[in-house]
């Protein structure tokens, strides 16, 4: 089973559901042994600029 903090390769659908793309994702849910669904966060290599206030 996948644990919190694991990195997995999964399919992310396009917004219009016409297709999907395989991407890396981080498992952010806990107690995954007792659940049938996982909560994941998309991982990107594109750096984002943080805007200061």
C-alpha atoms as a PDB file:
ATOM      1  CA  UNK A   1       0.000   0.000   0.000  1.00  0.00           C
ATOM      2  CA  UNK A   2       1.075   3.577  -0.530  1.00  0.00           C
ATOM      3  CA  UNK A   3       1.961   5.640   2.520  1.00  0.00           C
ATOM      4  CA  UNK A   4       1.918   9.341   3.329  1.00  0.00           C
ATOM      5  CA  UNK A   5       4.790  11.086   1.533  1.00  0.00           C
ATOM      6  CA  UNK A   6       5.207   8.442  -1.176  1.00  0.00           C
ATOM      7  CA  UNK A   7       5.730   9.587  -4.746  1.00  0.00           C
ATOM      8  CA  UNK A   8       3.695   7.735  -7.360  1.00  0.00           C
ATOM      9  CA  UNK A   9       3.110   7.875 -11.101  1.00  0.00           C
ATOM     10  CA  UNK A  10      -0.581   8.383 -11.856  1.00  0.00           C
ATOM     11  CA  UNK A  11      -2.921   9.639 -14.550  1.00  0.00           C
ATOM     12  CA  UNK A  12      -4.280  13.188 -14.328  1.00  0.00           C
ATOM     13  CA  UNK A  13      -7.223  13.884 -16.653  1.00  0.00           C
ATOM     14  CA  UNK A  14      -7.473  17.051 -18.703  1.00  0.00           C
ATOM     15  CA  UNK A  15     -10.185  19.455 -17.573  1.00  0.00           C
ATOM     16  CA  UNK A  16     -12.480  18.486 -20.455  1.00  0.00           C
ATOM     17  CA  UNK A  17     -11.809  14.761 -19.793  1.00  0.00           C
ATOM     18  CA  UNK A  18     -10.788  14.262 -23.435  1.00  0.00           C
ATOM     19  CA  UNK A  19      -7.538  12.560 -22.406  1.00  0.00           C
ATOM     20  CA  UNK A  20      -5.093  12.250 -19.548  1.00  0.00           C
ATOM     21  CA  UNK A  21      -1.382  12.537 -18.878  1.00  0.00           C
ATOM     22  CA  UNK A  22       0.833  10.524 -16.573  1.00  0.00           C
ATOM     23  CA  UNK A  23       2.444  12.678 -13.917  1.00  0.00           C
ATOM     24  CA  UNK A  24       4.271  12.318 -10.640  1.00  0.00           C
ATOM     25  CA  UNK A  25       2.156  12.890  -7.554  1.00  0.00           C
ATOM     26  CA  UNK A  26       2.756  13.052  -3.799  1.00  0.00           C
ATOM     27  CA  UNK A  27       0.493  11.025  -1.482  1.00  0.00           C
ATOM     28  CA  UNK A  28      -0.910  13.495   1.072  1.00  0.00           C
ATOM     29  CA  UNK A  29      -3.611  11.341   2.710  1.00  0.00           C
ATOM     30  CA  UNK A  30      -2.996   9.343   5.876  1.00  0.00           C
ATOM     31  CA  UNK A  31      -4.405   6.001   7.091  1.00  0.00           C
ATOM     32  CA  UNK A  32      -4.347   4.690   3.520  1.00  0.00           C
ATOM     33  CA  UNK A  33      -4.410   1.060   4.646  1.00  0.00           C
ATOM     34  CA  UNK A  34      -8.042   1.501   5.749  1.00  0.00           C
ATOM     35  CA  UNK A  35      -9.256   3.617   2.799  1.00  0.00           C
ATOM     36  CA  UNK A  36     -10.050   2.785  -0.799  1.00  0.00           C
ATOM     37  CA  UNK A  37      -9.172   6.283  -2.106  1.00  0.00           C
ATOM     38  CA  UNK A  38      -5.937   8.273  -1.946  1.00  0.00           C
ATOM     39  CA  UNK A  39      -5.476  12.039  -1.896  1.00  0.00           C
ATOM     40  CA  UNK A  40      -2.577  13.115  -4.099  1.00  0.00           C
ATOM     41  CA  UNK A  41      -0.927  16.398  -5.074  1.00  0.00           C
ATOM     42  CA  UNK A  42       0.439  16.976  -8.565  1.00  0.00           C
ATOM     43  CA  UNK A  43       4.221  17.484  -8.692  1.00  0.00           C
ATOM     44  CA  UNK A  44       5.693  19.822 -11.287  1.00  0.00           C
ATOM     45  CA  UNK A  45       9.235  20.747 -12.250  1.00  0.00           C
ATOM     46  CA  UNK A  46       8.191  24.208 -13.429  1.00  0.00           C
ATOM     47  CA  UNK A  47       9.393  26.773 -10.877  1.00  0.00           C
ATOM     48  CA  UNK A  48       6.855  29.392  -9.817  1.00  0.00           C
ATOM     49  CA  UNK A  49       7.746  32.882  -8.715  1.00  0.00           C
ATOM     50  CA  UNK A  50       6.349  33.788  -5.308  1.00  0.00           C
ATOM     51  CA  UNK A  51       4.959  37.298  -5.261  1.00  0.00           C
ATOM     52  CA  UNK A  52       5.841  39.313  -2.183  1.00  0.00           C
ATOM     53  CA  UNK A  53       3.345  41.649  -0.574  1.00  0.00           C
END
